[in-house]
Amino acid sequence: MSDVISRFPVAELADLPEDVKRRILAVQEKAGFVPNVFLMLAHRPAEFRAFFDYHDALMEKDVGLSKAEREMIVVATSALNHCLYCVIAHGAVLRIRAKNPRVADQLATNHRKAEITPRQRAMLDFAVKLSQHGEAIDEADFEALRGQGFDDEAIWDIGAITAFFAMSNRLVHLTGTPPNEPFYLMGRLPRG
């Protein structure tokens, strides 16, 4: 793997605003390393704050969709957008949250063949369609989700996660940010 985190300047931790530095150090403490996307985005502190505030608003709640289902959307749509960083990093988080070492690879390849529920397949059918052919979304797509028990708030979350990570995917493409090496094995082997 390359040691280059971004095509753009990467600030030293010591030079960052205190709130940005605290957020990065908290992630480092929890994960054992600093995900490259944090360092890449810290180049522009105001955007870093906005990005991670919206990220957390979408991804850290457990209402309507489980946290694992939220990660499923990221992995499936990021694979279609050819975003290696997001597939690898969020695949690791998905393996941990779903407690399934196979599901991320399956979703990154073909969500229709993955070991998921019919409800989750409907969710991903919608996310994939929105990601690839958003202009073709119609009422039948919403009815398919409602038929699987999704309410309007959950449907909004599916769409918002899909849209947010389309932006994230493009930022990673812009910057050339590679996944951190530890992501590749996370959730594949028992801890310890």
C-alpha atoms as a PDB file:
ATOM      1  CA  MET A   1       0.000   0.000   0.000  1.00  0.00           C
ATOM      2  CA  SER A   2       1.062   3.550  -0.665  1.00  0.00           C
ATOM      3  CA  ASP A   3       1.990   5.851   2.195  1.00  0.00           C
ATOM      4  CA  VAL A   4       0.417   8.735   0.278  1.00  0.00           C
ATOM      5  CA  ILE A   5      -2.941   9.601   1.881  1.00  0.00           C
ATOM      6  CA  SER A   6      -4.070  12.298  -0.530  1.00  0.00           C
ATOM      7  CA  ARG A   7      -3.140  14.174  -3.670  1.00  0.00           C
ATOM      8  CA  PHE A   8      -3.744  17.288  -1.569  1.00  0.00           C
ATOM      9  CA  PRO A   9      -1.892  18.485   1.533  1.00  0.00           C
ATOM     10  CA  VAL A  10      -2.328  16.422   4.699  1.00  0.00           C
ATOM     11  CA  ALA A  11      -2.048  18.458   7.883  1.00  0.00           C
ATOM     12  CA  GLU A  12      -0.030  17.328  10.860  1.00  0.00           C
ATOM     13  CA  LEU A  13      -2.246  16.379  13.807  1.00  0.00           C
ATOM     14  CA  ALA A  14      -0.551  18.985  15.991  1.00  0.00           C
ATOM     15  CA  ASP A  15      -1.493  21.738  13.527  1.00  0.00           C
ATOM     16  CA  LEU A  16      -5.221  20.962  13.415  1.00  0.00           C
ATOM     17  CA  PRO A  17      -7.939  22.840  15.322  1.00  0.00           C
ATOM     18  CA  GLU A  18      -8.505  21.290  18.753  1.00  0.00           C
ATOM     19  CA  ASP A  19     -11.998  19.926  18.000  1.00  0.00           C
ATOM     20  CA  VAL A  20     -10.801  18.222  14.807  1.00  0.00           C
ATOM     21  CA  LYS A  21      -7.752  16.816  16.591  1.00  0.00           C
ATOM     22  CA  ARG A  22      -9.949  15.491  19.455  1.00  0.00           C
ATOM     23  CA  ARG A  23     -12.274  13.749  17.016  1.00  0.00           C
ATOM     24  CA  ILE A  24      -9.377  12.104  15.198  1.00  0.00           C
ATOM     25  CA  LEU A  25      -7.700  10.991  18.430  1.00  0.00           C
ATOM     26  CA  ALA A  26     -10.980   9.502  19.696  1.00  0.00           C
ATOM     27  CA  VAL A  27     -11.237   7.397  16.545  1.00  0.00           C
ATOM     28  CA  GLN A  28      -7.593   6.385  16.855  1.00  0.00           C
ATOM     29  CA  GLU A  29      -8.184   5.257  20.436  1.00  0.00           C
ATOM     30  CA  LYS A  30     -11.182   3.157  19.441  1.00  0.00           C
ATOM     31  CA  ALA A  31      -9.787   1.672  16.201  1.00  0.00           C
ATOM     32  CA  GLY A  32      -6.101   1.529  17.054  1.00  0.00           C
ATOM     33  CA  PHE A  33      -5.217   3.658  14.004  1.00  0.00           C
ATOM     34  CA  VAL A  34      -6.355   6.820  12.233  1.00  0.00           C
ATOM     35  CA  PRO A  35      -8.449   6.059   9.146  1.00  0.00           C
ATOM     36  CA  ASN A  36      -6.912   7.818   6.161  1.00  0.00           C
ATOM     37  CA  VAL A  37     -10.167   9.553   5.269  1.00  0.00           C
ATOM     38  CA  PHE A  38      -9.979  11.530   8.524  1.00  0.00           C
ATOM     39  CA  LEU A  39      -6.525  12.830   7.670  1.00  0.00           C
ATOM     40  CA  MET A  40      -7.538  13.539   4.068  1.00  0.00           C
ATOM     41  CA  LEU A  41     -10.608  15.552   5.081  1.00  0.00           C
ATOM     42  CA  ALA A  42      -8.791  17.415   7.882  1.00  0.00           C
ATOM     43  CA  HIS A  43      -7.111  19.404   5.104  1.00  0.00           C
ATOM     44  CA  ARG A  44     -10.267  21.558   5.221  1.00  0.00           C
ATOM     45  CA  PRO A  45     -11.500  21.694   8.842  1.00  0.00           C
ATOM     46  CA  ALA A  46     -14.921  23.266   8.160  1.00  0.00           C
ATOM     47  CA  GLU A  47     -15.704  20.562   5.612  1.00  0.00           C
ATOM     48  CA  PHE A  48     -14.304  17.886   7.956  1.00  0.00           C
ATOM     49  CA  ARG A  49     -16.751  18.991  10.656  1.00  0.00           C
ATOM     50  CA  ALA A  50     -19.727  19.124   8.277  1.00  0.00           C
ATOM     51  CA  PHE A  51     -18.860  15.765   6.726  1.00  0.00           C
ATOM     52  CA  PHE A  52     -18.525  13.876   9.991  1.00  0.00           C
ATOM     53  CA  ASP A  53     -21.525  15.577  11.594  1.00  0.00           C
ATOM     54  CA  TYR A  54     -23.699  14.437   8.688  1.00  0.00           C
ATOM     55  CA  HIS A  55     -21.998  11.034   8.628  1.00  0.00           C
ATOM     56  CA  ASP A  56     -22.776  10.495  12.307  1.00  0.00           C
ATOM     57  CA  ALA A  57     -26.352  11.768  11.936  1.00  0.00           C
ATOM     58  CA  LEU A  58     -26.944   9.135   9.249  1.00  0.00           C
ATOM     59  CA  MET A  59     -24.824   6.231  10.424  1.00  0.00           C
ATOM     60  CA  GLU A  60     -24.825   6.251  14.230  1.00  0.00           C
ATOM     61  CA  LYS A  61     -28.526   5.865  14.932  1.00  0.00           C
ATOM     62  CA  ASP A  62     -30.324   2.562  15.253  1.00  0.00           C
ATOM     63  CA  VAL A  63     -33.878   3.563  14.302  1.00  0.00           C
ATOM     64  CA  GLY A  64     -35.620   2.235  11.187  1.00  0.00           C
ATOM     65  CA  LEU A  65     -32.432   0.604   9.943  1.00  0.00           C
ATOM     66  CA  SER A  66     -29.865  -1.240  12.010  1.00  0.00           C
ATOM     67  CA  LYS A  67     -26.307   0.032  12.009  1.00  0.00           C
ATOM     68  CA  ALA A  68     -25.331  -3.055  10.004  1.00  0.00           C
ATOM     69  CA  GLU A  69     -28.017  -2.293   7.398  1.00  0.00           C
ATOM     70  CA  ARG A  70     -26.678   1.244   7.086  1.00  0.00           C
ATOM     71  CA  GLU A  71     -23.224  -0.178   6.362  1.00  0.00           C
ATOM     72  CA  MET A  72     -24.754  -2.592   3.820  1.00  0.00           C
ATOM     73  CA  ILE A  73     -25.958   0.392   1.806  1.00  0.00           C
ATOM     74  CA  VAL A  74     -22.493   1.952   1.886  1.00  0.00           C
ATOM     75  CA  VAL A  75     -20.745  -1.226   0.749  1.00  0.00           C
ATOM     76  CA  ALA A  76     -23.194  -2.106  -2.036  1.00  0.00           C
ATOM     77  CA  THR A  77     -23.342   1.395  -3.534  1.00  0.00           C
ATOM     78  CA  SER A  78     -19.639   2.146  -3.050  1.00  0.00           C
ATOM     79  CA  ALA A  79     -18.794  -1.033  -4.960  1.00  0.00           C
ATOM     80  CA  LEU A  80     -20.914   0.197  -7.885  1.00  0.00           C
ATOM     81  CA  ASN A  81     -19.094   3.543  -7.657  1.00  0.00           C
ATOM     82  CA  HIS A  82     -15.724   1.715  -7.689  1.00  0.00           C
ATOM     83  CA  CYS A  83     -14.618   3.239  -4.406  1.00  0.00           C
ATOM     84  CA  LEU A  84     -11.987   0.920  -2.972  1.00  0.00           C
ATOM     85  CA  TYR A  85     -11.592   2.938   0.230  1.00  0.00           C
ATOM     86  CA  CYS A  86     -15.282   2.828   1.156  1.00  0.00           C
ATOM     87  CA  VAL A  87     -15.745  -0.829   0.188  1.00  0.00           C
ATOM     88  CA  ILE A  88     -12.760  -1.888   2.298  1.00  0.00           C
ATOM     89  CA  ALA A  89     -13.303   0.443   5.288  1.00  0.00           C
ATOM     90  CA  HIS A  90     -17.076   0.104   5.514  1.00  0.00           C
ATOM     91  CA  GLY A  91     -16.832  -3.579   4.657  1.00  0.00           C
ATOM     92  CA  ALA A  92     -14.757  -3.962   7.821  1.00  0.00           C
ATOM     93  CA  VAL A  93     -17.338  -2.085   9.889  1.00  0.00           C
ATOM     94  CA  LEU A  94     -20.135  -4.144   8.312  1.00  0.00           C
ATOM     95  CA  ARG A  95     -18.419  -7.449   9.111  1.00  0.00           C
ATOM     96  CA  ILE A  96     -18.174  -6.362  12.744  1.00  0.00           C
ATOM     97  CA  ARG A  97     -21.691  -4.936  13.036  1.00  0.00           C
ATOM     98  CA  ALA A  98     -23.337  -7.851  11.202  1.00  0.00           C
ATOM     99  CA  LYS A  99     -21.109 -10.408  12.948  1.00  0.00           C
ATOM    100  CA  ASN A 100     -20.705 -12.040   9.541  1.00  0.00           C
ATOM    101  CA  PRO A 101     -17.253 -12.293   7.905  1.00  0.00           C
ATOM    102  CA  ARG A 102     -18.735 -13.028   4.444  1.00  0.00           C
ATOM    103  CA  VAL A 103     -21.454 -10.439   3.947  1.00  0.00           C
ATOM    104  CA  ALA A 104     -19.332  -7.441   2.910  1.00  0.00           C
ATOM    105  CA  ASP A 105     -17.608  -9.370   0.123  1.00  0.00           C
ATOM    106  CA  GLN A 106     -20.960 -10.682  -1.056  1.00  0.00           C
ATOM    107  CA  LEU A 107     -22.528  -7.216  -1.140  1.00  0.00           C
ATOM    108  CA  ALA A 108     -19.544  -5.715  -2.921  1.00  0.00           C
ATOM    109  CA  THR A 109     -19.902  -8.357  -5.620  1.00  0.00           C
ATOM    110  CA  ASN A 110     -23.669  -8.856  -6.002  1.00  0.00           C
ATOM    111  CA  HIS A 111     -26.185  -7.948  -3.304  1.00  0.00           C
ATOM    112  CA  ARG A 112     -28.825 -10.175  -4.948  1.00  0.00           C
ATOM    113  CA  LYS A 113     -26.759 -13.274  -4.114  1.00  0.00           C
ATOM    114  CA  ALA A 114     -25.759 -12.221  -0.592  1.00  0.00           C
ATOM    115  CA  GLU A 115     -26.767 -13.910   2.660  1.00  0.00           C
ATOM    116  CA  ILE A 116     -29.300 -11.218   3.588  1.00  0.00           C
ATOM    117  CA  THR A 117     -33.017 -11.076   4.301  1.00  0.00           C
ATOM    118  CA  PRO A 118     -35.666 -10.225   1.686  1.00  0.00           C
ATOM    119  CA  ARG A 119     -36.172  -6.927   3.547  1.00  0.00           C
ATOM    120  CA  GLN A 120     -32.472  -6.079   3.244  1.00  0.00           C
ATOM    121  CA  ARG A 121     -32.498  -7.097  -0.434  1.00  0.00           C
ATOM    122  CA  ALA A 122     -35.395  -4.670  -1.084  1.00  0.00           C
ATOM    123  CA  MET A 123     -33.471  -1.944   0.748  1.00  0.00           C
ATOM    124  CA  LEU A 124     -30.398  -2.545  -1.399  1.00  0.00           C
ATOM    125  CA  ASP A 125     -32.423  -2.830  -4.620  1.00  0.00           C
ATOM    126  CA  PHE A 126     -33.689   0.685  -3.880  1.00  0.00           C
ATOM    127  CA  ALA A 127     -30.249   2.055  -2.916  1.00  0.00           C
ATOM    128  CA  VAL A 128     -28.626   0.547  -5.998  1.00  0.00           C
ATOM    129  CA  LYS A 129     -31.333   1.931  -8.285  1.00  0.00           C
ATOM    130  CA  LEU A 130     -31.039   5.374  -6.684  1.00  0.00           C
ATOM    131  CA  SER A 131     -27.248   5.220  -7.025  1.00  0.00           C
ATOM    132  CA  GLN A 132     -27.226   4.150 -10.654  1.00  0.00           C
ATOM    133  CA  HIS A 133     -30.544   5.398 -12.073  1.00  0.00           C
ATOM    134  CA  GLY A 134     -31.939   7.914  -9.600  1.00  0.00           C
ATOM    135  CA  GLU A 135     -34.046   9.551 -12.278  1.00  0.00           C
ATOM    136  CA  ALA A 136     -35.998   6.286 -12.656  1.00  0.00           C
ATOM    137  CA  ILE A 137     -37.138   6.087  -9.003  1.00  0.00           C
ATOM    138  CA  ASP A 138     -40.932   6.064  -8.869  1.00  0.00           C
ATOM    139  CA  GLU A 139     -43.811   5.225  -6.534  1.00  0.00           C
ATOM    140  CA  ALA A 140     -43.483   1.490  -7.229  1.00  0.00           C
ATOM    141  CA  ASP A 141     -40.011   1.613  -5.663  1.00  0.00           C
ATOM    142  CA  PHE A 142     -41.423   3.238  -2.531  1.00  0.00           C
ATOM    143  CA  GLU A 143     -44.254   0.710  -2.374  1.00  0.00           C
ATOM    144  CA  ALA A 144     -41.784  -2.176  -2.582  1.00  0.00           C
ATOM    145  CA  LEU A 145     -40.004  -0.766   0.478  1.00  0.00           C
ATOM    146  CA  ARG A 146     -43.232  -0.127   2.367  1.00  0.00           C
ATOM    147  CA  GLY A 147     -44.228  -3.720   1.597  1.00  0.00           C
ATOM    148  CA  GLN A 148     -41.129  -4.809   3.499  1.00  0.00           C
ATOM    149  CA  GLY A 149     -42.035  -2.658   6.513  1.00  0.00           C
ATOM    150  CA  PHE A 150     -39.949   0.451   5.836  1.00  0.00           C
ATOM    151  CA  ASP A 151     -41.584   3.732   6.842  1.00  0.00           C
ATOM    152  CA  ASP A 152     -40.874   7.103   5.235  1.00  0.00           C
ATOM    153  CA  GLU A 153     -38.131   7.949   7.752  1.00  0.00           C
ATOM    154  CA  ALA A 154     -36.278   4.709   6.985  1.00  0.00           C
ATOM    155  CA  ILE A 155     -36.726   5.281   3.240  1.00  0.00           C
ATOM    156  CA  TRP A 156     -35.251   8.776   3.661  1.00  0.00           C
ATOM    157  CA  ASP A 157     -32.278   7.226   5.473  1.00  0.00           C
ATOM    158  CA  ILE A 158     -31.719   4.713   2.661  1.00  0.00           C
ATOM    159  CA  GLY A 159     -31.699   7.545   0.138  1.00  0.00           C
ATOM    160  CA  ALA A 160     -29.629   9.924   2.232  1.00  0.00           C
ATOM    161  CA  ILE A 161     -26.967   7.294   2.972  1.00  0.00           C
ATOM    162  CA  THR A 162     -26.815   6.434  -0.734  1.00  0.00           C
ATOM    163  CA  ALA A 163     -26.422  10.115  -1.670  1.00  0.00           C
ATOM    164  CA  PHE A 164     -23.927  10.950   1.076  1.00  0.00           C
ATOM    165  CA  PHE A 165     -21.642   8.094   0.174  1.00  0.00           C
ATOM    166  CA  ALA A 166     -21.811   8.947  -3.523  1.00  0.00           C
ATOM    167  CA  MET A 167     -20.203  12.229  -2.465  1.00  0.00           C
ATOM    168  CA  SER A 168     -17.751  10.434  -0.196  1.00  0.00           C
ATOM    169  CA  ASN A 169     -16.822   8.045  -3.021  1.00  0.00           C
ATOM    170  CA  ARG A 170     -16.088  10.967  -5.324  1.00  0.00           C
ATOM    171  CA  LEU A 171     -13.947  12.732  -2.700  1.00  0.00           C
ATOM    172  CA  VAL A 172     -11.876   9.575  -2.342  1.00  0.00           C
ATOM    173  CA  HIS A 173     -11.521   9.382  -6.133  1.00  0.00           C
ATOM    174  CA  LEU A 174     -10.493  13.056  -6.209  1.00  0.00           C
ATOM    175  CA  THR A 175      -7.876  12.644  -3.497  1.00  0.00           C
ATOM    176  CA  GLY A 176      -6.654   9.126  -4.289  1.00  0.00           C
ATOM    177  CA  THR A 177      -7.039   8.128  -0.645  1.00  0.00           C
ATOM    178  CA  PRO A 178      -6.188   4.433  -0.078  1.00  0.00           C
ATOM    179  CA  PRO A 179      -7.736   2.221   2.609  1.00  0.00           C
ATOM    180  CA  ASN A 180      -5.684   1.625   5.732  1.00  0.00           C
ATOM    181  CA  GLU A 181      -4.087  -1.819   5.870  1.00  0.00           C
ATOM    182  CA  PRO A 182      -5.846  -2.890   9.140  1.00  0.00           C
ATOM    183  CA  PHE A 183      -9.289  -2.609   7.488  1.00  0.00           C
ATOM    184  CA  TYR A 184      -8.598  -5.639   5.294  1.00  0.00           C
ATOM    185  CA  LEU A 185      -8.646  -8.127   8.178  1.00  0.00           C
ATOM    186  CA  MET A 186     -11.084  -6.461  10.582  1.00  0.00           C
ATOM    187  CA  GLY A 187     -14.094  -8.653  11.294  1.00  0.00           C
ATOM    188  CA  ARG A 188     -12.710 -11.618   9.368  1.00  0.00           C
ATOM    189  CA  LEU A 189     -10.998 -13.372  12.245  1.00  0.00           C
ATOM    190  CA  PRO A 190     -12.023 -13.787  15.877  1.00  0.00           C
ATOM    191  CA  ARG A 191     -10.618 -11.062  18.144  1.00  0.00           C
ATOM    192  CA  GLY A 192      -7.646 -11.846  20.310  1.00  0.00           C
END
